[in-house]
Amino acid sequence: MNGLMSIVVTLLSITFAWYVIQEIKLDAFVKRPRSRQARMLQVLLAIVLGHGFASFILDYLQWSSMLRWFVE
């Protein structure tokens, strides 16, 4: 069950990162913002940021569940 939750949280985080990245104007960073390379850059950024965000969420959930043993 823990593995399934990790997959779902990671995919949702990558989707959320993709949604957020769509609002960034790439004109200042790349020559052709509508090119295939610029889209691949967006995909890679979404994966990296989404994975980092998902790792934070999953670590936080794990740490907070370990606090239960600390209190008892």
Protein backbone atom coordinates (compact mmCIF):
# COMPACT_ATOMS: atom_id res chain seq x y z
CA MET A 1 0.00 0.00 0.00
CA ASN A 2 2.89 2.34 0.78
CA GLY A 3 4.36 1.85 -2.70
CA LEU A 4 1.07 2.64 -4.39
CA MET A 5 0.71 5.80 -2.33
CA SER A 6 4.25 6.83 -3.29
CA ILE A 7 3.52 6.34 -7.00
CA VAL A 8 0.26 8.30 -6.82
CA VAL A 9 1.80 11.18 -4.85
CA THR A 10 4.76 11.36 -7.24
CA LEU A 11 2.56 11.37 -10.36
CA LEU A 12 0.25 14.01 -8.89
CA SER A 13 3.26 16.14 -7.92
CA ILE A 14 4.73 15.91 -11.42
CA THR A 15 1.34 16.85 -12.89
CA PHE A 16 1.10 19.80 -10.52
CA ALA A 17 4.63 20.92 -11.42
CA TRP A 18 3.77 20.67 -15.14
CA TYR A 19 0.69 22.84 -14.56
CA VAL A 20 2.76 25.44 -12.72
CA ILE A 21 5.58 25.43 -15.29
CA GLN A 22 3.10 26.24 -18.06
CA GLU A 23 2.74 29.74 -16.58
CA ILE A 24 6.48 30.50 -16.88
CA LYS A 25 7.45 32.61 -19.87
CA LEU A 26 10.30 30.77 -21.53
CA ASP A 27 11.09 33.63 -23.91
CA ALA A 28 13.77 34.91 -21.55
CA PHE A 29 15.49 31.52 -21.23
CA VAL A 30 15.33 29.85 -24.65
CA LYS A 31 15.53 31.09 -28.23
CA ARG A 32 12.42 29.30 -29.49
CA PRO A 33 9.96 28.66 -26.63
CA ARG A 34 7.63 26.54 -28.81
CA SER A 35 10.34 24.21 -30.10
CA ARG A 36 10.62 20.53 -29.26
CA GLN A 37 13.71 21.16 -27.15
CA ALA A 38 11.91 23.79 -25.09
CA ARG A 39 9.02 21.38 -24.46
CA MET A 40 11.47 18.67 -23.39
CA LEU A 41 13.05 21.17 -21.01
CA GLN A 42 9.60 21.81 -19.53
CA VAL A 43 9.00 18.07 -19.14
CA LEU A 44 12.36 17.55 -17.44
CA LEU A 45 11.79 20.50 -15.14
CA ALA A 46 8.35 19.16 -14.22
CA ILE A 47 9.81 15.74 -13.43
CA VAL A 48 12.64 17.14 -11.32
CA LEU A 49 10.48 19.62 -9.41
CA GLY A 50 7.58 17.17 -9.04
CA HIS A 51 9.87 14.43 -7.76
CA GLY A 52 11.45 16.79 -5.26
CA PHE A 53 8.06 17.97 -4.04
CA ALA A 54 6.77 14.38 -3.79
CA SER A 55 9.88 13.34 -1.86
CA PHE A 56 9.27 16.14 0.61
CA ILE A 57 5.63 15.15 1.08
CA LEU A 58 6.41 11.45 1.48
CA ASP A 59 9.28 12.13 3.88
CA TYR A 60 7.07 14.44 5.92
CA LEU A 61 4.36 11.79 6.13
CA GLN A 62 6.90 9.18 7.19
CA TRP A 63 8.45 11.44 9.82
CA SER A 64 5.09 12.43 11.25
CA SER A 65 4.07 8.78 11.50
CA MET A 66 7.31 8.05 13.39
CA LEU A 67 6.42 10.73 15.95
CA ARG A 68 3.60 8.48 17.11
CA TRP A 69 6.22 6.04 18.46
CA PHE A 70 8.10 8.89 20.13
CA VAL A 71 5.04 10.01 22.11
CA GLU A 72 4.11 6.52 23.34
